[in-house]
Amino acid sequence: GLAEGVTRAFVADLVPAEKRGTAYGLFHGVVGITLLPASLIAGWLWQAINPAAPFLFGAGLASLAMIGLLVLIKE
């Protein structure tokens, strides 16, 4: 998608050049494993609460991730 180039560049910035292949593999493995439960949770939120719920939940998680990155990643 649109953000894939940004995430690949971010992974490349975080690890040494000789470990980038492993880092990319681990990153994409985790993303792939989390996509199934994410889709199931989004579907449940859509049906159980309302169609806006998955988007609000995603925005909340993205905000938490942003705060975590700001705290954990130092330049």
PDB file of N, CA and C in Angstrom:
ATOM      1  N   GLY A   1       0.803  -1.185   0.000  1.00  0.00           N
ATOM      2  CA  GLY A   1       0.000   0.000   0.000  1.00  0.00           C
ATOM      3  C   GLY A   1       0.846   1.249   0.000  1.00  0.00           C
ATOM      4  N   LEU A   2       0.197   2.302   0.291  1.00  0.00           N
ATOM      5  CA  LEU A   2       0.805   3.625   0.269  1.00  0.00           C
ATOM      6  C   LEU A   2       1.922   3.766   1.307  1.00  0.00           C
ATOM      7  N   ALA A   3       1.748   3.171   2.471  1.00  0.00           N
ATOM      8  CA  ALA A   3       2.726   3.335   3.552  1.00  0.00           C
ATOM      9  C   ALA A   3       3.819   2.278   3.541  1.00  0.00           C
ATOM     10  N   GLU A   4       3.760   1.315   2.640  1.00  0.00           N
ATOM     11  CA  GLU A   4       4.741   0.226   2.676  1.00  0.00           C
ATOM     12  C   GLU A   4       6.164   0.725   2.468  1.00  0.00           C
ATOM     13  N   GLY A   5       6.363   1.665   1.593  1.00  0.00           N
ATOM     14  CA  GLY A   5       7.705   2.212   1.380  1.00  0.00           C
ATOM     15  C   GLY A   5       8.247   2.894   2.626  1.00  0.00           C
ATOM     16  N   VAL A   6       7.368   3.578   3.339  1.00  0.00           N
ATOM     17  CA  VAL A   6       7.775   4.260   4.566  1.00  0.00           C
ATOM     18  C   VAL A   6       8.174   3.242   5.629  1.00  0.00           C
ATOM     19  N   THR A   7       7.389   2.167   5.772  1.00  0.00           N
ATOM     20  CA  THR A   7       7.715   1.165   6.789  1.00  0.00           C
ATOM     21  C   THR A   7       9.008   0.432   6.447  1.00  0.00           C
ATOM     22  N   ARG A   8       9.237   0.161   5.180  1.00  0.00           N
ATOM     23  CA  ARG A   8      10.496  -0.492   4.785  1.00  0.00           C
ATOM     24  C   ARG A   8      11.688   0.409   5.078  1.00  0.00           C
ATOM     25  N   ALA A   9      11.554   1.695   4.797  1.00  0.00           N
ATOM     26  CA  ALA A   9      12.641   2.633   5.086  1.00  0.00           C
ATOM     27  C   ALA A   9      12.882   2.728   6.588  1.00  0.00           C
ATOM     28  N   PHE A  10      11.811   2.687   7.366  1.00  0.00           N
ATOM     29  CA  PHE A  10      11.938   2.754   8.823  1.00  0.00           C
ATOM     30  C   PHE A  10      12.676   1.532   9.359  1.00  0.00           C
ATOM     31  N   VAL A  11      12.316   0.357   8.865  1.00  0.00           N
ATOM     32  CA  VAL A  11      13.008  -0.872   9.273  1.00  0.00           C
ATOM     33  C   VAL A  11      14.482  -0.782   8.893  1.00  0.00           C
ATOM     34  N   ALA A  12      14.763  -0.289   7.701  1.00  0.00           N
ATOM     35  CA  ALA A  12      16.152  -0.166   7.247  1.00  0.00           C
ATOM     36  C   ALA A  12      16.945   0.788   8.137  1.00  0.00           C
ATOM     37  N   ASP A  13      16.306   1.832   8.634  1.00  0.00           N
ATOM     38  CA  ASP A  13      16.992   2.789   9.504  1.00  0.00           C
ATOM     39  C   ASP A  13      17.269   2.228  10.895  1.00  0.00           C
ATOM     40  N   LEU A  14      16.474   1.250  11.321  1.00  0.00           N
ATOM     41  CA  LEU A  14      16.591   0.744  12.689  1.00  0.00           C
ATOM     42  C   LEU A  14      17.622  -0.363  12.867  1.00  0.00           C
ATOM     43  N   VAL A  15      17.995  -1.049  11.787  1.00  0.00           N
ATOM     44  CA  VAL A  15      18.891  -2.201  11.924  1.00  0.00           C
ATOM     45  C   VAL A  15      20.139  -2.013  11.065  1.00  0.00           C
ATOM     46  N   PRO A  16      21.239  -2.665  11.453  1.00  0.00           N
ATOM     47  CA  PRO A  16      22.447  -2.605  10.624  1.00  0.00           C
ATOM     48  C   PRO A  16      22.206  -3.254   9.256  1.00  0.00           C
ATOM     49  N   ALA A  17      22.967  -2.844   8.270  1.00  0.00           N
ATOM     50  CA  ALA A  17      22.777  -3.320   6.896  1.00  0.00           C
ATOM     51  C   ALA A  17      22.853  -4.837   6.791  1.00  0.00           C
ATOM     52  N   GLU A  18      23.732  -5.477   7.557  1.00  0.00           N
ATOM     53  CA  GLU A  18      23.889  -6.932   7.444  1.00  0.00           C
ATOM     54  C   GLU A  18      22.723  -7.709   8.052  1.00  0.00           C
ATOM     55  N   LYS A  19      21.845  -7.051   8.784  1.00  0.00           N
ATOM     56  CA  LYS A  19      20.698  -7.733   9.398  1.00  0.00           C
ATOM     57  C   LYS A  19      19.364  -7.310   8.794  1.00  0.00           C
ATOM     58  N   ARG A  20      19.390  -6.554   7.710  1.00  0.00           N
ATOM     59  CA  ARG A  20      18.145  -6.051   7.123  1.00  0.00           C
ATOM     60  C   ARG A  20      17.251  -7.155   6.583  1.00  0.00           C
ATOM     61  N   GLY A  21      17.829  -8.174   5.983  1.00  0.00           N
ATOM     62  CA  GLY A  21      17.018  -9.278   5.459  1.00  0.00           C
ATOM     63  C   GLY A  21      16.228  -9.958   6.567  1.00  0.00           C
ATOM     64  N   THR A  22      16.890 -10.217   7.682  1.00  0.00           N
ATOM     65  CA  THR A  22      16.217 -10.825   8.833  1.00  0.00           C
ATOM     66  C   THR A  22      15.158  -9.885   9.393  1.00  0.00           C
ATOM     67  N   ALA A  23      15.485  -8.606   9.476  1.00  0.00           N
ATOM     68  CA  ALA A  23      14.530  -7.627  10.007  1.00  0.00           C
ATOM     69  C   ALA A  23      13.296  -7.525   9.120  1.00  0.00           C
ATOM     70  N   TYR A  24      13.497  -7.482   7.798  1.00  0.00           N
ATOM     71  CA  TYR A  24      12.350  -7.433   6.882  1.00  0.00           C
ATOM     72  C   TYR A  24      11.498  -8.692   7.017  1.00  0.00           C
ATOM     73  N   GLY A  25      12.151  -9.849   7.106  1.00  0.00           N
ATOM     74  CA  GLY A  25      11.413 -11.099   7.252  1.00  0.00           C
ATOM     75  C   GLY A  25      10.602 -11.133   8.531  1.00  0.00           C
ATOM     76  N   LEU A  26      11.202 -10.724   9.628  1.00  0.00           N
ATOM     77  CA  LEU A  26      10.501 -10.693  10.909  1.00  0.00           C
ATOM     78  C   LEU A  26       9.346  -9.696  10.876  1.00  0.00           C
ATOM     79  N   PHE A  27       9.604  -8.515  10.347  1.00  0.00           N
ATOM     80  CA  PHE A  27       8.570  -7.481  10.267  1.00  0.00           C
ATOM     81  C   PHE A  27       7.373  -7.964   9.457  1.00  0.00           C
ATOM     82  N   HIS A  28       7.632  -8.476   8.258  1.00  0.00           N
ATOM     83  CA  HIS A  28       6.525  -8.910   7.405  1.00  0.00           C
ATOM     84  C   HIS A  28       5.844 -10.161   7.945  1.00  0.00           C
ATOM     85  N   GLY A  29       6.589 -11.016   8.644  1.00  0.00           N
ATOM     86  CA  GLY A  29       5.971 -12.174   9.289  1.00  0.00           C
ATOM     87  C   GLY A  29       4.985 -11.756  10.367  1.00  0.00           C
ATOM     88  N   VAL A  30       5.391 -10.800  11.198  1.00  0.00           N
ATOM     89  CA  VAL A  30       4.498 -10.308  12.256  1.00  0.00           C
ATOM     90  C   VAL A  30       3.277  -9.618  11.650  1.00  0.00           C
ATOM     91  N   VAL A  31       3.486  -8.816  10.624  1.00  0.00           N
ATOM     92  CA  VAL A  31       2.355  -8.156   9.965  1.00  0.00           C
ATOM     93  C   VAL A  31       1.389  -9.192   9.407  1.00  0.00           C
ATOM     94  N   GLY A  32       1.907 -10.205   8.739  1.00  0.00           N
ATOM     95  CA  GLY A  32       1.053 -11.240   8.163  1.00  0.00           C
ATOM     96  C   GLY A  32       0.269 -12.005   9.210  1.00  0.00           C
ATOM     97  N   ILE A  33       0.915 -12.334  10.329  1.00  0.00           N
ATOM     98  CA  ILE A  33       0.248 -13.087  11.392  1.00  0.00           C
ATOM     99  C   ILE A  33      -0.844 -12.250  12.061  1.00  0.00           C
ATOM    100  N   THR A  34      -0.633 -10.954  12.178  1.00  0.00           N
ATOM    101  CA  THR A  34      -1.619 -10.105  12.854  1.00  0.00           C
ATOM    102  C   THR A  34      -2.782  -9.689  11.965  1.00  0.00           C
ATOM    103  N   LEU A  35      -2.670  -9.878  10.657  1.00  0.00           N
ATOM    104  CA  LEU A  35      -3.760  -9.449   9.778  1.00  0.00           C
ATOM    105  C   LEU A  35      -5.044 -10.250   9.973  1.00  0.00           C
ATOM    106  N   LEU A  36      -4.954 -11.548  10.209  1.00  0.00           N
ATOM    107  CA  LEU A  36      -6.170 -12.347  10.391  1.00  0.00           C
ATOM    108  C   LEU A  36      -6.945 -11.914  11.631  1.00  0.00           C
ATOM    109  N   PRO A  37      -6.329 -11.884  12.823  1.00  0.00           N
ATOM    110  CA  PRO A  37      -7.118 -11.437  13.973  1.00  0.00           C
ATOM    111  C   PRO A  37      -7.599  -9.990  13.836  1.00  0.00           C
ATOM    112  N   ALA A  38      -6.810  -9.142  13.183  1.00  0.00           N
ATOM    113  CA  ALA A  38      -7.238  -7.755  12.997  1.00  0.00           C
ATOM    114  C   ALA A  38      -8.512  -7.691  12.170  1.00  0.00           C
ATOM    115  N   SER A  39      -8.586  -8.490  11.125  1.00  0.00           N
ATOM    116  CA  SER A  39      -9.789  -8.516  10.288  1.00  0.00           C
ATOM    117  C   SER A  39     -10.986  -9.049  11.060  1.00  0.00           C
ATOM    118  N   LEU A  40     -10.767 -10.073  11.865  1.00  0.00           N
ATOM    119  CA  LEU A  40     -11.859 -10.632  12.666  1.00  0.00           C
ATOM    120  C   LEU A  40     -12.361  -9.627  13.702  1.00  0.00           C
ATOM    121  N   ILE A  41     -11.442  -8.947  14.366  1.00  0.00           N
ATOM    122  CA  ILE A  41     -11.828  -7.939  15.358  1.00  0.00           C
ATOM    123  C   ILE A  41     -12.566  -6.785  14.690  1.00  0.00           C
ATOM    124  N   ALA A  42     -12.078  -6.340  13.536  1.00  0.00           N
ATOM    125  CA  ALA A  42     -12.747  -5.250  12.823  1.00  0.00           C
ATOM    126  C   ALA A  42     -14.160  -5.646  12.419  1.00  0.00           C
ATOM    127  N   GLY A  43     -14.333  -6.859  11.932  1.00  0.00           N
ATOM    128  CA  GLY A  43     -15.668  -7.326  11.568  1.00  0.00           C
ATOM    129  C   GLY A  43     -16.593  -7.395  12.760  1.00  0.00           C
ATOM    130  N   TRP A  44     -16.069  -7.868  13.885  1.00  0.00           N
ATOM    131  CA  TRP A  44     -16.886  -7.944  15.097  1.00  0.00           C
ATOM    132  C   TRP A  44     -17.286  -6.547  15.565  1.00  0.00           C
ATOM    133  N   LEU A  45     -16.324  -5.601  15.589  1.00  0.00           N
ATOM    134  CA  LEU A  45     -16.638  -4.229  15.996  1.00  0.00           C
ATOM    135  C   LEU A  45     -17.688  -3.609  15.083  1.00  0.00           C
ATOM    136  N   TRP A  46     -17.562  -3.855  13.782  1.00  0.00           N
ATOM    137  CA  TRP A  46     -18.505  -3.316  12.793  1.00  0.00           C
ATOM    138  C   TRP A  46     -19.918  -3.809  13.085  1.00  0.00           C
ATOM    139  N   GLN A  47     -20.047  -5.107  13.337  1.00  0.00           N
ATOM    140  CA  GLN A  47     -21.373  -5.688  13.543  1.00  0.00           C
ATOM    141  C   GLN A  47     -21.905  -5.463  14.956  1.00  0.00           C
ATOM    142  N   ALA A  48     -21.055  -5.558  15.956  1.00  0.00           N
ATOM    143  CA  ALA A  48     -21.523  -5.490  17.340  1.00  0.00           C
ATOM    144  C   ALA A  48     -21.750  -4.060  17.824  1.00  0.00           C
ATOM    145  N   ILE A  49     -20.987  -3.116  17.311  1.00  0.00           N
ATOM    146  CA  ILE A  49     -21.106  -1.742  17.806  1.00  0.00           C
ATOM    147  C   ILE A  49     -21.691  -0.848  16.712  1.00  0.00           C
ATOM    148  N   ASN A  50     -20.881  -0.489  15.733  1.00  0.00           N
ATOM    149  CA  ASN A  50     -21.356   0.267  14.569  1.00  0.00           C
ATOM    150  C   ASN A  50     -20.229   0.330  13.541  1.00  0.00           C
ATOM    151  N   PRO A  51     -20.535   0.738  12.318  1.00  0.00           N
ATOM    152  CA  PRO A  51     -19.501   0.745  11.271  1.00  0.00           C
ATOM    153  C   PRO A  51     -18.311   1.672  11.550  1.00  0.00           C
ATOM    154  N   ALA A  52     -18.476   2.662  12.395  1.00  0.00           N
ATOM    155  CA  ALA A  52     -17.362   3.567  12.701  1.00  0.00           C
ATOM    156  C   ALA A  52     -16.398   2.969  13.723  1.00  0.00           C
ATOM    157  N   ALA A  53     -16.841   1.988  14.492  1.00  0.00           N
ATOM    158  CA  ALA A  53     -16.043   1.445  15.594  1.00  0.00           C
ATOM    159  C   ALA A  53     -14.672   0.911  15.166  1.00  0.00           C
ATOM    160  N   PRO A  54     -14.561   0.135  14.078  1.00  0.00           N
ATOM    161  CA  PRO A  54     -13.221  -0.345  13.707  1.00  0.00           C
ATOM    162  C   PRO A  54     -12.251   0.788  13.375  1.00  0.00           C
ATOM    163  N   PHE A  55     -12.764   1.854  12.784  1.00  0.00           N
ATOM    164  CA  PHE A  55     -11.902   2.981  12.419  1.00  0.00           C
ATOM    165  C   PHE A  55     -11.450   3.745  13.663  1.00  0.00           C
ATOM    166  N   LEU A  56     -12.362   3.915  14.613  1.00  0.00           N
ATOM    167  CA  LEU A  56     -12.004   4.582  15.864  1.00  0.00           C
ATOM    168  C   LEU A  56     -11.016   3.740  16.668  1.00  0.00           C
ATOM    169  N   PHE A  57     -11.233   2.441  16.692  1.00  0.00           N
ATOM    170  CA  PHE A  57     -10.323   1.524  17.376  1.00  0.00           C
ATOM    171  C   PHE A  57      -8.940   1.583  16.725  1.00  0.00           C
ATOM    172  N   GLY A  58      -8.902   1.563  15.401  1.00  0.00           N
ATOM    173  CA  GLY A  58      -7.631   1.655  14.679  1.00  0.00           C
ATOM    174  C   GLY A  58      -6.919   2.970  14.934  1.00  0.00           C
ATOM    175  N   ALA A  59      -7.675   4.061  14.994  1.00  0.00           N
ATOM    176  CA  ALA A  59      -7.076   5.364  15.282  1.00  0.00           C
ATOM    177  C   ALA A  59      -6.483   5.388  16.683  1.00  0.00           C
ATOM    178  N   GLY A  60      -7.183   4.772  17.631  1.00  0.00           N
ATOM    179  CA  GLY A  60      -6.662   4.697  18.995  1.00  0.00           C
ATOM    180  C   GLY A  60      -5.376   3.887  19.066  1.00  0.00           C
ATOM    181  N   LEU A  61      -5.360   2.740  18.389  1.00  0.00           N
ATOM    182  CA  LEU A  61      -4.145   1.915  18.377  1.00  0.00           C
ATOM    183  C   LEU A  61      -2.991   2.631  17.678  1.00  0.00           C
ATOM    184  N   ALA A  62      -3.290   3.333  16.596  1.00  0.00           N
ATOM    185  CA  ALA A  62      -2.242   4.080  15.892  1.00  0.00           C
ATOM    186  C   ALA A  62      -1.675   5.184  16.783  1.00  0.00           C
ATOM    187  N   SER A  63      -2.532   5.828  17.556  1.00  0.00           N
ATOM    188  CA  SER A  63      -2.072   6.868  18.480  1.00  0.00           C
ATOM    189  C   SER A  63      -1.165   6.282  19.555  1.00  0.00           C
ATOM    190  N   LEU A  64      -1.559   5.120  20.095  1.00  0.00           N
ATOM    191  CA  LEU A  64      -0.712   4.451  21.087  1.00  0.00           C
ATOM    192  C   LEU A  64       0.636   4.053  20.487  1.00  0.00           C
ATOM    193  N   ALA A  65       0.623   3.562  19.258  1.00  0.00           N
ATOM    194  CA  ALA A  65       1.868   3.183  18.589  1.00  0.00           C
ATOM    195  C   ALA A  65       2.766   4.398  18.378  1.00  0.00           C
ATOM    196  N   MET A  66       2.166   5.525  18.001  1.00  0.00           N
ATOM    197  CA  MET A  66       2.939   6.740  17.789  1.00  0.00           C
ATOM    198  C   MET A  66       3.602   7.193  19.091  1.00  0.00           C
ATOM    199  N   ILE A  67       2.847   7.153  20.177  1.00  0.00           N
ATOM    200  CA  ILE A  67       3.409   7.531  21.475  1.00  0.00           C
ATOM    201  C   ILE A  67       4.540   6.575  21.857  1.00  0.00           C
ATOM    202  N   GLY A  68       4.325   5.283  21.634  1.00  0.00           N
ATOM    203  CA  GLY A  68       5.366   4.302  21.927  1.00  0.00           C
ATOM    204  C   GLY A  68       6.630   4.545  21.131  1.00  0.00           C
ATOM    205  N   LEU A  69       6.479   4.871  19.860  1.00  0.00           N
ATOM    206  CA  LEU A  69       7.658   5.149  19.030  1.00  0.00           C
ATOM    207  C   LEU A  69       8.376   6.412  19.494  1.00  0.00           C
ATOM    208  N   LEU A  70       7.617   7.425  19.862  1.00  0.00           N
ATOM    209  CA  LEU A  70       8.238   8.659  20.338  1.00  0.00           C
ATOM    210  C   LEU A  70       9.032   8.426  21.622  1.00  0.00           C
ATOM    211  N   VAL A  71       8.547   7.527  22.460  1.00  0.00           N
ATOM    212  CA  VAL A  71       9.222   7.241  23.726  1.00  0.00           C
ATOM    213  C   VAL A  71      10.421   6.315  23.521  1.00  0.00           C
ATOM    214  N   LEU A  72      10.265   5.290  22.689  1.00  0.00           N
ATOM    215  CA  LEU A  72      11.284   4.246  22.574  1.00  0.00           C
ATOM    216  C   LEU A  72      12.382   4.527  21.558  1.00  0.00           C
ATOM    217  N   ILE A  73      12.080   5.242  20.490  1.00  0.00           N
ATOM    218  CA  ILE A  73      13.059   5.460  19.422  1.00  0.00           C
ATOM    219  C   ILE A  73      13.771   6.792  19.644  1.00  0.00           C
ATOM    220  N   LYS A  74      15.042   6.705  19.907  1.00  0.00           N
ATOM    221  CA  LYS A  74      15.871   7.900  20.095  1.00  0.00           C
ATOM    222  C   LYS A  74      16.826   8.017  18.911  1.00  0.00           C
ATOM    223  N   GLU A  75      17.065   9.232  18.475  1.00  0.00           N
ATOM    224  CA  GLU A  75      18.005   9.431  17.362  1.00  0.00           C
ATOM    225  C   GLU A  75      19.369   9.780  17.876  1.00  0.00           C
TER     226      GLU A  75
END
